[in-house]
Amino acid sequence: MAVDTTVEVTMPAMGDSVSEGTVLEWHKQEGDEVSEDEVLVEISTDKVDAEVPAPAEGTVVKIHASEGDTVRVGTVLAEIAPGGNGAAPPKPDEGGGETVDIVMPAMGESVSEGTILEWAKQPGEPVEEDETVVEISTDKVDAEVPAPASGTIEEILAQAGDTVTVGQVIARMTTSNGASAPAKAPEPTAAQQPQASAPPKVPDEVKVTPVAARVADALGVDLSRIHGSGPAGRIVKDDVLAAENGALELRAFAAPRNGDLWSEVRPQIAADVSRHGGTATEREGRWGVELVCQMQVVLPDGTQARQPSRIIGVNGTRWLLRATFLGQPAVEPEQAQDWEDALATVVVHRGSQAMPVGDALPLTLPDDAQRLS
């Protein structure tokens, strides 16, 4: 968390498959003045080299990572004292939010790591204290990790399918005004429905996350007919939503002022799909070049199959909108007019604040939308 008088500059996210990078060169040193959006440091990853801009005008007061150091996404690289000539900003109100780390919890003495199954919350979404944030699977137990406080999810540091170790920071959140971080992180809860309501019925041979099971129960979807795309063929929420007519997943990211971020991240996505045993081919679509993917999945009977998806990127002014079609609109792109028309109605308000390239933008659902989680 930033101290009262400084703004932290962090290693930005640069794609789902990028977890760390190397500091190439600092353009500013401690004591140097810097303008908002001015390049502060250059970072190299195995996918792309990027320039990290200053999030605010002020003076660089501390550099935490030297050139040549390897840093993980979310790591604090430097601190800036905002304001002209390094003048410190006013202290935040007493009721201001606090940044809290969400970590992979201990789940028994013999458990040292686990696999991220599914995020129940995304960056920008509000969360209540003790509400499920993420589901994690280990070789001993599946568990739902609750939020340590009420607030807003700021960033996710480990994606679904990633292996994480006990104590590793997997996400960060900002507490609501007046709330404070707990002295001790809450214990994970067994992956089951609250006792106030009966858990959904799941066939014995089906592997499914708790969130997906609840969504399937709410929609009346037969889990035995669904192909799971999660780790070890586990059914996740997106599989359930795409089971009948299809689904559309949206994510928005900060992008350079002048550039084509979609052309940069598209090869990264294709390479990630390939590493997981799938295929990704390019085709011309309504918004230009898109990816048609076939992900390898495991059926309930142990046989392997392919699950289709279409990934579309739309470049905007300092933003990238990424849309993933699942189910019917992925299998039959030429018959997906209604789905594409729905995508065309999405409005992106980037705002004028400085953000590292790749940072997720919060999504706001229409008032009449139904949230399934």
Protein backbone atom coordinates (compact mmCIF):
# COMPACT_ATOMS: atom_id res chain seq x y z
CA MET A 1 0.00 0.00 0.00
CA ALA A 2 1.25 3.50 -0.79
CA VAL A 3 2.31 5.65 2.12
CA ASP A 4 0.39 8.85 2.77
CA THR A 5 2.58 11.15 0.66
CA THR A 6 3.50 9.05 -2.37
CA VAL A 7 1.98 7.36 -5.38
CA GLU A 8 3.21 3.85 -6.16
CA VAL A 9 4.36 2.85 -9.63
CA THR A 10 3.79 -0.88 -10.10
CA MET A 11 4.76 -3.51 -12.64
CA PRO A 12 1.67 -3.57 -14.93
CA ALA A 13 -0.13 -6.62 -16.29
CA MET A 14 0.87 -7.28 -19.91
CA GLY A 15 -1.36 -10.17 -20.86
CA ASP A 16 -2.80 -13.27 -19.20
CA SER A 17 0.36 -15.34 -19.75
CA VAL A 18 2.86 -12.73 -18.52
CA SER A 19 3.66 -12.92 -14.81
CA GLU A 20 7.02 -11.14 -14.58
CA GLY A 21 9.47 -8.93 -16.44
CA THR A 22 12.95 -7.43 -16.27
CA VAL A 23 13.73 -3.77 -15.61
CA LEU A 24 15.63 -2.55 -18.70
CA GLU A 25 16.22 1.14 -18.10
CA TRP A 26 15.08 3.90 -15.78
CA HIS A 27 14.34 7.18 -17.59
CA LYS A 28 14.16 9.02 -14.27
CA GLN A 29 16.22 8.77 -11.11
CA GLU A 30 15.47 9.58 -7.49
CA GLY A 31 15.02 13.34 -7.14
CA ASP A 32 14.05 13.85 -10.81
CA GLU A 33 10.78 15.56 -11.67
CA VAL A 34 8.35 13.70 -13.93
CA SER A 35 5.16 14.66 -15.76
CA GLU A 36 1.99 12.58 -15.83
CA ASP A 37 2.14 9.94 -18.61
CA GLU A 38 5.87 10.59 -19.14
CA VAL A 39 7.86 7.38 -19.59
CA LEU A 40 9.40 6.40 -16.28
CA VAL A 41 10.90 2.96 -16.89
CA GLU A 42 11.19 0.32 -19.60
CA ILE A 43 10.26 -3.29 -18.83
CA SER A 44 11.03 -6.40 -20.91
CA THR A 45 9.05 -9.66 -20.77
CA ASP A 46 9.23 -12.84 -22.83
CA LYS A 47 6.30 -11.50 -24.86
CA VAL A 48 6.74 -7.74 -25.20
CA ASP A 49 8.81 -4.73 -24.17
CA ALA A 50 6.80 -1.88 -22.67
CA GLU A 51 7.24 1.64 -21.37
CA VAL A 52 5.65 2.30 -17.98
CA PRO A 53 4.31 5.86 -17.67
CA ALA A 54 4.20 7.98 -14.54
CA PRO A 55 0.69 7.79 -13.01
CA ALA A 56 1.00 11.36 -11.66
CA GLU A 57 3.09 14.50 -11.92
CA GLY A 58 5.67 14.99 -9.20
CA THR A 59 9.11 13.91 -8.05
CA VAL A 60 10.56 10.41 -8.01
CA VAL A 61 11.42 9.86 -4.35
CA LYS A 62 12.22 6.14 -4.28
CA ILE A 63 13.23 3.45 -6.81
CA HIS A 64 12.64 -0.08 -5.50
CA ALA A 65 13.88 -2.15 -8.46
CA SER A 66 17.26 -1.72 -10.14
CA GLU A 67 18.01 -2.26 -13.82
CA GLY A 68 18.33 -5.99 -14.48
CA ASP A 69 16.02 -6.96 -11.61
CA THR A 70 13.19 -9.41 -12.30
CA VAL A 71 9.85 -8.14 -11.00
CA ARG A 72 6.43 -9.77 -10.83
CA VAL A 73 3.16 -8.17 -11.93
CA GLY A 74 1.96 -5.84 -9.17
CA THR A 75 5.42 -5.32 -7.66
CA VAL A 76 6.09 -1.72 -6.56
CA LEU A 77 8.81 -0.32 -8.84
CA ALA A 78 9.02 3.25 -7.57
CA GLU A 79 7.26 5.96 -5.58
CA ILE A 80 6.37 9.48 -6.71
CA ALA A 81 5.61 12.47 -4.50
CA PRO A 82 2.79 14.16 -6.45
CA GLY A 83 2.57 17.88 -7.10
CA GLY A 84 4.83 20.49 -8.58
CA ASN A 85 8.43 20.47 -7.31
CA GLY A 86 7.77 17.37 -5.32
CA ALA A 87 5.21 18.99 -3.06
CA ALA A 88 3.36 16.37 -1.05
CA PRO A 89 -0.38 16.04 -1.60
CA PRO A 90 -2.81 16.49 1.24
CA LYS A 91 -3.28 13.41 3.40
CA PRO A 92 -6.31 11.31 2.60
CA ASP A 93 -9.42 11.50 4.70
CA GLU A 94 -9.45 9.35 7.79
CA GLY A 95 -12.17 7.25 6.20
CA GLY A 96 -10.14 6.52 3.04
CA GLY A 97 -9.82 2.97 1.74
CA GLU A 98 -6.85 0.73 2.41
CA THR A 99 -5.16 -1.68 0.00
CA VAL A 100 -5.33 -5.29 1.21
CA ASP A 101 -3.53 -8.31 -0.22
CA ILE A 102 -5.55 -11.48 -0.83
CA VAL A 103 -3.26 -14.48 -0.41
CA MET A 104 -3.38 -18.19 -1.07
CA PRO A 105 -4.36 -19.51 2.39
CA ALA A 106 -2.96 -22.49 4.26
CA MET A 107 -5.18 -25.55 3.87
CA GLY A 108 -3.42 -28.08 6.04
CA GLU A 109 0.16 -28.97 6.86
CA SER A 110 0.59 -31.22 3.82
CA VAL A 111 -0.77 -28.69 1.31
CA SER A 112 1.84 -26.32 -0.14
CA GLU A 113 0.17 -25.21 -3.37
CA GLY A 114 -3.10 -25.16 -5.25
CA THR A 115 -4.66 -24.33 -8.62
CA ILE A 116 -6.88 -21.32 -9.29
CA LEU A 117 -10.21 -22.73 -10.47
CA GLU A 118 -12.37 -19.68 -11.00
CA TRP A 119 -12.57 -16.04 -9.95
CA ALA A 120 -15.99 -15.10 -8.60
CA LYS A 121 -15.03 -11.42 -8.76
CA GLN A 122 -13.16 -9.35 -11.35
CA PRO A 123 -11.18 -6.09 -11.07
CA GLY A 124 -13.49 -3.14 -10.47
CA GLU A 125 -16.26 -5.23 -8.93
CA PRO A 126 -17.46 -4.59 -5.36
CA VAL A 127 -17.22 -7.34 -2.79
CA GLU A 128 -18.57 -7.81 0.73
CA GLU A 129 -16.53 -9.08 3.67
CA ASP A 130 -16.51 -12.90 3.71
CA GLU A 131 -18.02 -13.07 0.21
CA THR A 132 -16.30 -15.63 -2.04
CA VAL A 133 -13.59 -14.06 -4.21
CA VAL A 134 -11.89 -17.09 -5.77
CA GLU A 135 -12.04 -20.87 -5.77
CA ILE A 136 -8.85 -22.87 -5.33
CA SER A 137 -8.29 -26.60 -5.78
CA THR A 138 -5.57 -28.64 -4.07
CA ASP A 139 -4.84 -32.37 -4.05
CA LYS A 140 -6.69 -32.53 -0.72
CA VAL A 141 -9.64 -30.15 -0.93
CA ASP A 142 -11.40 -27.49 -2.98
CA ALA A 143 -11.99 -24.24 -1.11
CA GLU A 144 -13.60 -20.85 -1.56
CA VAL A 145 -11.39 -17.96 -0.44
CA PRO A 146 -13.46 -15.15 1.11
CA ALA A 147 -12.78 -11.41 0.95
CA PRO A 148 -10.96 -10.20 4.08
CA ALA A 149 -12.97 -6.95 4.06
CA SER A 150 -15.66 -5.08 2.15
CA GLY A 151 -14.44 -3.00 -0.78
CA THR A 152 -13.47 -3.26 -4.45
CA ILE A 153 -11.22 -5.75 -6.24
CA GLU A 154 -8.30 -3.77 -7.70
CA GLU A 155 -6.19 -6.38 -9.50
CA ILE A 156 -5.91 -10.11 -10.02
CA LEU A 157 -2.38 -11.51 -10.00
CA ALA A 158 -3.06 -15.20 -10.75
CA GLN A 159 -5.31 -16.43 -13.55
CA ALA A 160 -7.57 -19.47 -13.66
CA GLY A 161 -5.41 -22.55 -14.15
CA ASP A 162 -2.33 -21.01 -12.51
CA THR A 163 -0.58 -22.90 -9.71
CA VAL A 164 -0.02 -20.78 -6.60
CA THR A 165 1.84 -21.46 -3.36
CA VAL A 166 0.62 -20.91 0.19
CA GLY A 167 1.13 -17.27 1.17
CA GLN A 168 1.38 -16.01 -2.43
CA VAL A 169 -0.50 -12.78 -3.15
CA ILE A 170 -3.16 -13.66 -5.72
CA ALA A 171 -5.16 -10.42 -5.76
CA ARG A 172 -5.44 -6.98 -4.20
CA MET A 173 -8.49 -5.05 -3.08
CA THR A 174 -9.25 -1.61 -1.69
CA THR A 175 -11.44 -1.50 1.39
CA SER A 176 -14.53 0.66 1.53
CA ASN A 177 -14.32 4.00 3.31
CA GLY A 178 -14.15 3.46 7.03
CA ALA A 179 -13.24 -0.22 6.71
CA SER A 180 -9.84 -1.54 7.68
CA ALA A 181 -7.88 -4.66 6.96
CA PRO A 182 -8.34 -7.48 9.47
CA ALA A 183 -5.47 -8.36 11.79
CA LYS A 184 -5.61 -11.92 10.47
CA ALA A 185 -6.71 -13.17 7.08
CA PRO A 186 -9.99 -15.14 7.15
CA GLU A 187 -9.84 -18.89 6.91
CA PRO A 188 -10.94 -20.47 3.61
CA THR A 189 -14.33 -22.09 3.64
CA ALA A 190 -15.20 -25.53 2.34
CA ALA A 191 -16.51 -25.32 -1.21
CA GLN A 192 -20.20 -25.77 -0.48
CA GLN A 193 -23.43 -23.80 -0.35
CA PRO A 194 -24.33 -21.88 2.82
CA GLN A 195 -26.39 -24.00 5.19
CA ALA A 196 -29.33 -21.65 4.74
CA SER A 197 -30.03 -23.23 1.34
CA ALA A 198 -29.60 -26.73 0.00
CA PRO A 199 -26.56 -27.28 -2.24
CA PRO A 200 -27.30 -27.99 -5.91
CA LYS A 201 -27.36 -31.64 -6.94
CA VAL A 202 -24.25 -32.65 -8.89
CA PRO A 203 -23.83 -36.05 -10.58
CA ASP A 204 -21.12 -38.12 -8.87
CA GLU A 205 -18.92 -38.36 -11.97
CA VAL A 206 -19.00 -34.61 -12.72
CA LYS A 207 -16.22 -32.24 -11.64
CA VAL A 208 -17.60 -28.72 -11.23
CA THR A 209 -16.70 -25.56 -9.33
CA PRO A 210 -19.16 -24.40 -6.66
CA VAL A 211 -19.99 -21.22 -8.59
CA ALA A 212 -20.68 -23.18 -11.78
CA ALA A 213 -22.88 -25.62 -9.84
CA ARG A 214 -24.96 -22.76 -8.41
CA VAL A 215 -25.36 -21.13 -11.85
CA ALA A 216 -26.35 -24.46 -13.42
CA ASP A 217 -28.92 -25.00 -10.67
CA ALA A 218 -30.35 -21.50 -11.19
CA LEU A 219 -30.61 -21.95 -14.97
CA GLY A 220 -31.73 -25.57 -14.91
CA VAL A 221 -28.72 -26.77 -16.92
CA ASP A 222 -27.84 -30.49 -16.94
CA LEU A 223 -24.20 -30.67 -15.84
CA SER A 224 -23.74 -34.19 -17.19
CA ARG A 225 -24.03 -32.82 -20.74
CA ILE A 226 -21.38 -30.10 -20.35
CA HIS A 227 -17.72 -30.30 -21.40
CA GLY A 228 -15.51 -28.76 -18.70
CA SER A 229 -12.74 -26.40 -19.80
CA GLY A 230 -11.17 -25.89 -16.36
CA PRO A 231 -8.20 -27.73 -14.86
CA ALA A 232 -8.58 -31.52 -15.16
CA GLY A 233 -11.81 -31.08 -17.12
CA ARG A 234 -13.59 -29.26 -14.32
CA ILE A 235 -16.73 -27.35 -15.32
CA VAL A 236 -16.49 -23.60 -14.69
CA LYS A 237 -19.16 -20.90 -14.89
CA ASP A 238 -18.42 -19.98 -18.51
CA ASP A 239 -19.01 -23.60 -19.55
CA VAL A 240 -22.47 -23.49 -18.00
CA LEU A 241 -23.38 -20.16 -19.56
CA ALA A 242 -22.31 -21.42 -22.99
CA ALA A 243 -24.12 -24.74 -22.65
CA GLU A 244 -27.28 -23.72 -24.48
CA ASN A 245 -27.16 -20.77 -26.89
CA GLY A 246 -23.76 -19.39 -25.99
CA ALA A 247 -22.09 -16.71 -23.91
CA LEU A 248 -20.14 -13.48 -24.32
CA GLU A 249 -17.32 -12.59 -21.94
CA LEU A 250 -16.06 -8.99 -21.93
CA ARG A 251 -12.81 -7.54 -20.57
CA ALA A 252 -11.42 -4.04 -21.05
CA PHE A 253 -7.83 -2.88 -20.56
CA ALA A 254 -5.83 0.35 -20.55
CA ALA A 255 -3.84 0.78 -23.78
CA PRO A 256 -1.24 3.19 -25.21
CA ARG A 257 -2.45 6.54 -26.50
CA ASN A 258 -1.38 5.70 -30.04
CA GLY A 259 -1.01 2.03 -30.77
CA ASP A 260 -2.58 -1.29 -31.66
CA LEU A 261 -2.59 -3.30 -28.44
CA TRP A 262 -4.76 -6.04 -29.97
CA SER A 263 -2.05 -6.83 -32.52
CA GLU A 264 0.43 -7.20 -29.63
CA VAL A 265 -1.64 -9.42 -27.36
CA ARG A 266 -3.21 -11.58 -30.09
CA PRO A 267 -0.02 -13.67 -30.63
CA GLN A 268 0.32 -14.01 -26.84
CA ILE A 269 -3.19 -15.44 -26.56
CA ALA A 270 -2.57 -17.84 -29.45
CA ALA A 271 0.67 -19.04 -27.86
CA ASP A 272 -1.06 -19.57 -24.51
CA VAL A 273 -3.82 -21.61 -26.16
CA SER A 274 -1.19 -23.71 -27.94
CA ARG A 275 0.71 -24.37 -24.70
CA HIS A 276 -2.49 -25.83 -23.23
CA GLY A 277 -2.93 -28.23 -26.15
CA GLY A 278 -5.37 -26.15 -28.19
CA THR A 279 -5.27 -24.34 -31.52
CA ALA A 280 -5.82 -20.70 -32.47
CA THR A 281 -6.21 -19.44 -36.03
CA GLU A 282 -6.78 -15.94 -37.33
CA ARG A 283 -9.76 -14.91 -39.46
CA GLU A 284 -11.17 -11.62 -40.74
CA GLY A 285 -14.30 -10.57 -38.90
CA ARG A 286 -16.51 -7.58 -38.32
CA TRP A 287 -13.86 -5.81 -36.23
CA GLY A 288 -10.84 -6.97 -38.18
CA VAL A 289 -8.56 -9.87 -37.33
CA GLU A 290 -9.95 -12.19 -34.66
CA LEU A 291 -8.94 -15.55 -33.19
CA VAL A 292 -10.90 -18.78 -33.60
CA CYS A 293 -9.74 -21.15 -30.86
CA GLN A 294 -10.23 -24.80 -30.05
CA MET A 295 -9.42 -25.60 -26.43
CA GLN A 296 -8.69 -29.17 -25.38
CA VAL A 297 -11.10 -30.33 -22.66
CA VAL A 298 -11.72 -33.60 -20.80
CA LEU A 299 -15.23 -35.07 -20.82
CA PRO A 300 -16.81 -36.66 -17.71
CA ASP A 301 -16.00 -40.13 -19.09
CA GLY A 302 -12.31 -39.25 -19.38
CA THR A 303 -12.19 -38.81 -23.16
CA GLN A 304 -10.84 -35.64 -24.73
CA ALA A 305 -12.74 -33.16 -26.86
CA ARG A 306 -12.42 -29.62 -28.21
CA GLN A 307 -14.30 -26.55 -26.99
CA PRO A 308 -14.58 -23.65 -29.47
CA SER A 309 -14.27 -19.96 -28.71
CA ARG A 310 -13.89 -16.73 -30.70
CA ILE A 311 -11.79 -13.89 -29.34
CA ILE A 312 -12.28 -10.39 -30.75
CA GLY A 313 -10.20 -7.31 -29.97
CA VAL A 314 -11.45 -3.75 -30.47
CA ASN A 315 -8.85 -0.96 -30.16
CA GLY A 316 -10.04 2.37 -28.83
CA THR A 317 -8.52 5.61 -27.60
CA ARG A 318 -6.22 4.40 -24.81
CA TRP A 319 -8.27 1.23 -24.30
CA LEU A 320 -8.72 -2.30 -25.63
CA LEU A 321 -12.00 -4.19 -25.44
CA ARG A 322 -11.59 -7.97 -25.60
CA ALA A 323 -14.66 -10.10 -26.26
CA THR A 324 -14.79 -13.89 -26.09
CA PHE A 325 -17.70 -15.75 -27.67
CA LEU A 326 -18.49 -19.23 -26.36
CA GLY A 327 -20.96 -21.82 -27.60
CA GLN A 328 -23.06 -21.19 -30.71
CA PRO A 329 -21.54 -17.81 -31.74
CA ALA A 330 -18.11 -19.47 -31.66
CA VAL A 331 -19.14 -22.57 -33.61
CA GLU A 332 -21.04 -20.63 -36.27
CA PRO A 333 -19.43 -17.17 -36.64
CA GLU A 334 -21.51 -16.40 -39.74
CA GLN A 335 -24.73 -16.94 -37.74
CA ALA A 336 -23.70 -14.77 -34.79
CA GLN A 337 -25.25 -11.49 -35.95
CA ASP A 338 -27.31 -10.96 -32.79
CA TRP A 339 -24.30 -11.62 -30.56
CA GLU A 340 -22.11 -9.23 -32.53
CA ASP A 341 -24.84 -6.59 -32.45
CA ALA A 342 -24.89 -6.91 -28.66
CA LEU A 343 -21.13 -6.40 -28.59
CA ALA A 344 -21.53 -3.29 -30.77
CA THR A 345 -23.68 -1.67 -28.05
CA VAL A 346 -20.91 -1.81 -25.43
CA VAL A 347 -19.66 1.64 -24.41
CA VAL A 348 -16.13 2.14 -23.05
CA HIS A 349 -15.36 5.19 -20.89
CA ARG A 350 -11.60 5.13 -20.43
CA GLY A 351 -11.30 8.28 -18.31
CA SER A 352 -8.30 10.60 -18.27
CA GLN A 353 -6.37 9.07 -15.38
CA ALA A 354 -2.95 7.53 -16.02
CA MET A 355 -2.92 3.73 -15.98
CA PRO A 356 -0.24 1.16 -16.84
CA VAL A 357 -0.81 -0.58 -20.16
CA GLY A 358 -2.73 -3.80 -19.60
CA ASP A 359 -4.49 -2.74 -16.38
CA ALA A 360 -8.09 -3.96 -16.31
CA LEU A 361 -10.87 -1.36 -16.55
CA PRO A 362 -13.95 -1.89 -14.36
CA LEU A 363 -17.10 -3.18 -16.05
CA THR A 364 -20.58 -1.90 -15.22
CA LEU A 365 -23.61 -4.06 -16.02
CA PRO A 366 -26.89 -2.57 -17.30
CA ASP A 367 -29.51 -1.98 -14.61
CA ASP A 368 -31.69 -4.83 -15.91
CA ALA A 369 -28.85 -7.34 -16.21
CA GLN A 370 -28.85 -10.50 -14.07
CA ARG A 371 -25.61 -11.28 -12.25
CA LEU A 372 -24.82 -14.99 -11.92
CA SER A 373 -22.19 -15.85 -9.30
